[in-house]
Amino acid sequence: MKKFVVFGLLASKIVFGTTITVAAAADLRFVLQDLTALYEKQYPQDKLKFIYGASGNFYNQIRAGYPIDVFMSADTHYPELLYKQGLAYKPRPYAIGKLTLFTVEPNINVNNPKLALLKASKIAIANPRVAPYGIAGISTLHCYHIYHAVKNKIVFGENIIQTAQYVASKNADVGLVSYSLLLTPQLKGKGKIYLIPQACYKPIVQGAAVIKSTKNKNAAMRFFNFLYSPQAIAIWKSFGYGIPK
């Protein structure tokens, strides 16, 4: 009888378990590890599956019919476009990202960001065509009035994680990267950082939306709503994100 009960429990989990596929901006890779642990503890019937990359690429893939349940962008632009096109339910901002100048080179003083960028032989920035943090990076160069002086030094990362890796591996002298990545165990304390003043770039308000083609609407909505819970907000803050009002 005990064996039958155990089998029944396992079978029940297989039948009723739901996998939620989430397309997430690359800067979220590490904060989502903590959020996933909390979510799956609260909702053990759900399993989260993440695909990480540049927000613009995900936008194009979703429009092409790629099966995604929830889209977590590094901006609000792409979720809003999908909503206006009838491909997503109403989006909502979940966090505000911060841009940081990052280097592991001992001879570069990030506290003088303009000089640091001018002295660098290579500057890593995420591709602004598909990555909102890349747009913020280019805006920062214009803010310091040095874009034309340094544009030939720029190396573009496919996404913000690759951009940070260019700096950490010394394939670029400095990089303009997400602050949240520099608070992870992999990069925390590994170099020098300087928070770029907010006046230099448009606020990186990051938004999420449930995709209308999802076959797991209830579970997708459950995860979407979880992102705004008090417990989730505490985790967002611990990774350096601001919280939208």
Foldseek 3Di string as FASTA:
>chain_A
DVVVVVVVVVVVLVVQAEEAEEEAEQLCVVLVVVVQVVVCVVVVSYHYHYDYFFQQVVLVVVVVPDAHFKYWHQAVVSVVVCVVVVFFDDKDFQWWWFKKKWALDPPADCVPVLVSLLPWQAEEAADVVGHVRNQLVLLLCVVSPCCVVRVVRYDHDRHQVRSVVCRLVVVTGIYIHTQLVCLDPVRPPNTDMDTRDCVSGPIRGIMMTTTPVHPPNVVSVVSSVSSRDPVNVVSCVSSPIHGDD
